[in-house]
Structures are given as C-alpha cells and as structure tokens.
C-alpha atoms as a PDB file:
ATOM      1  CA  MET A   1       0.000   0.000   0.000  1.00  0.00           C
ATOM      2  CA  LYS A   2       1.179   3.498  -0.791  1.00  0.00           C
ATOM      3  CA  THR A   3       0.599   6.907   0.768  1.00  0.00           C
ATOM      4  CA  TYR A   4      -0.624   9.823  -1.327  1.00  0.00           C
ATOM      5  CA  ARG A   5      -1.002  13.541  -0.643  1.00  0.00           C
ATOM      6  CA  ILE A   6      -3.804  15.305  -2.525  1.00  0.00           C
ATOM      7  CA  SER A   7      -3.926  19.110  -2.526  1.00  0.00           C
ATOM      8  CA  PHE A   8      -7.195  20.778  -3.500  1.00  0.00           C
ATOM      9  CA  LEU A   9      -6.682  24.157  -5.179  1.00  0.00           C
ATOM     10  CA  ASN A  10      -8.518  27.188  -6.482  1.00  0.00           C
ATOM     11  CA  GLU A  11      -7.215  29.589  -9.099  1.00  0.00           C
ATOM     12  CA  LEU A  12      -7.483  33.233  -7.981  1.00  0.00           C
ATOM     13  CA  THR A  13      -6.467  36.598  -9.408  1.00  0.00           C
ATOM     14  CA  ASN A  14      -4.702  39.248  -7.341  1.00  0.00           C
ATOM     15  CA  ASP A  15      -5.040  43.057  -7.578  1.00  0.00           C
ATOM     16  CA  SER A  16      -2.573  43.302 -10.455  1.00  0.00           C
ATOM     17  CA  GLY A  17      -4.305  40.590 -12.489  1.00  0.00           C
ATOM     18  CA  HIS A  18      -1.791  37.818 -11.838  1.00  0.00           C
ATOM     19  CA  VAL A  19      -3.262  34.346 -11.409  1.00  0.00           C
ATOM     20  CA  PHE A  20      -2.136  32.175  -8.520  1.00  0.00           C
ATOM     21  CA  HIS A  21      -3.191  28.880  -6.962  1.00  0.00           C
ATOM     22  CA  CYS A  22      -4.637  28.926  -3.472  1.00  0.00           C
ATOM     23  CA  CYS A  23      -4.630  25.682  -1.516  1.00  0.00           C
ATOM     24  CA  GLN A  24      -8.032  24.936   0.021  1.00  0.00           C
ATOM     25  CA  ARG A  25      -7.064  21.764   1.886  1.00  0.00           C
ATOM     26  CA  VAL A  26      -4.468  18.979   1.831  1.00  0.00           C
ATOM     27  CA  ILE A  27      -5.563  15.402   2.463  1.00  0.00           C
ATOM     28  CA  ASP A  28      -3.232  12.462   3.025  1.00  0.00           C
ATOM     29  CA  ILE A  29      -4.491   9.015   2.115  1.00  0.00           C
ATOM     30  CA  ARG A  30      -2.215   6.695   4.054  1.00  0.00           C
ATOM     31  CA  ARG A  31      -3.109   3.337   2.518  1.00  0.00           C
ATOM     32  CA  ALA A  32      -4.279   3.059  -1.059  1.00  0.00           C
ATOM     33  CA  LYS A  33      -3.748   0.316  -3.621  1.00  0.00           C
ATOM     34  CA  ASN A  34      -3.199   2.849  -6.376  1.00  0.00           C
ATOM     35  CA  ARG A  35      -3.346   6.513  -7.353  1.00  0.00           C
ATOM     36  CA  ASP A  36      -6.960   6.394  -8.608  1.00  0.00           C
ATOM     37  CA  ARG A  37      -8.296   4.895  -5.389  1.00  0.00           C
ATOM     38  CA  ALA A  38      -6.406   7.448  -3.317  1.00  0.00           C
ATOM     39  CA  LEU A  39      -7.836  10.287  -5.379  1.00  0.00           C
ATOM     40  CA  GLU A  40     -11.421   9.060  -5.071  1.00  0.00           C
ATOM     41  CA  ALA A  41     -11.050   8.615  -1.304  1.00  0.00           C
ATOM     42  CA  ALA A  42      -9.578  12.114  -0.987  1.00  0.00           C
ATOM     43  CA  LYS A  43     -12.390  13.661  -3.034  1.00  0.00           C
ATOM     44  CA  ARG A  44     -15.001  12.060  -0.749  1.00  0.00           C
ATOM     45  CA  ARG A  45     -13.160  13.138   2.402  1.00  0.00           C
ATOM     46  CA  PHE A  46     -12.710  16.696   1.097  1.00  0.00           C
ATOM     47  CA  ALA A  47     -16.429  17.009   0.296  1.00  0.00           C
ATOM     48  CA  ARG A  48     -17.366  15.660   3.726  1.00  0.00           C
ATOM     49  CA  LYS A  49     -14.989  18.014   5.572  1.00  0.00           C
ATOM     50  CA  GLU A  50     -16.156  21.025   3.540  1.00  0.00           C
ATOM     51  CA  LYS A  51     -19.805  19.964   3.964  1.00  0.00           C
ATOM     52  CA  VAL A  52     -20.543  20.031   0.222  1.00  0.00           C
ATOM     53  CA  ALA A  53     -22.115  17.467  -2.086  1.00  0.00           C
ATOM     54  CA  HIS A  54     -19.148  17.395  -4.495  1.00  0.00           C
ATOM     55  CA  TRP A  55     -15.493  18.335  -4.062  1.00  0.00           C
ATOM     56  CA  SER A  56     -15.588  20.729  -7.042  1.00  0.00           C
ATOM     57  CA  HIS A  57     -17.967  23.047  -5.174  1.00  0.00           C
ATOM     58  CA  HIS A  58     -15.000  24.279  -3.083  1.00  0.00           C
ATOM     59  CA  ALA A  59     -11.987  23.589  -5.321  1.00  0.00           C
ATOM     60  CA  GLY A  60     -11.236  23.921  -9.000  1.00  0.00           C
ATOM     61  CA  SER A  61      -8.398  21.434  -9.323  1.00  0.00           C
ATOM     62  CA  PHE A  62      -6.145  19.082  -7.414  1.00  0.00           C
ATOM     63  CA  GLU A  63      -2.575  17.862  -7.353  1.00  0.00           C
ATOM     64  CA  ILE A  64      -1.614  14.367  -6.268  1.00  0.00           C
ATOM     65  CA  GLU A  65       1.770  13.064  -5.203  1.00  0.00           C
ATOM     66  CA  GLU A  66       3.085   9.843  -3.746  1.00  0.00           C
ATOM     67  CA  ILE A  67       4.853  10.407  -0.443  1.00  0.00           C
ATOM     68  CA  ASP A  68       6.908   8.257   1.918  1.00  0.00           C
ATOM     69  CA  ALA A  69       4.767   6.637   4.602  1.00  0.00           C
ATOM     70  CA  LEU A  70       5.299   8.088   8.063  1.00  0.00           C
END
C-alpha cells in the first residue's frame, strides 16, 4: 500500500491581475492500492470536511503526489 497527498486548489487573481493557486485543503491518504483509489477517497473526504455534495464546489483542481509513509 502506498501513501498519497492530494492538494485541492482554487485559481485566484490578485489586484494586479496575476493568477495564482490557493490551496483549500491537503488530504493524506495513508493506505491506497493505487493513485486512482487514493484520489477518489480524498475527493469524498474533502467534500465531507467542507460539507458540500461534491469536491468541485470548493476547489477547481487538485494535485496528487506519492509520499513516503510516516
């Protein structure tokens, strides 16, 4: 089993018109068989923590990375 870190992001624009990514929440999935399963678990957890029906209601994108287990 592998550990994955999924960061949920929104794209925002500052006063000068420059676009930047703002992290909404980071979720670690500590035991997943593969990347797809980790992502689906993180999406469900994010939606539950944010109290929304779907993760995309509070984030526009995500980044996923495999990390060393703690």
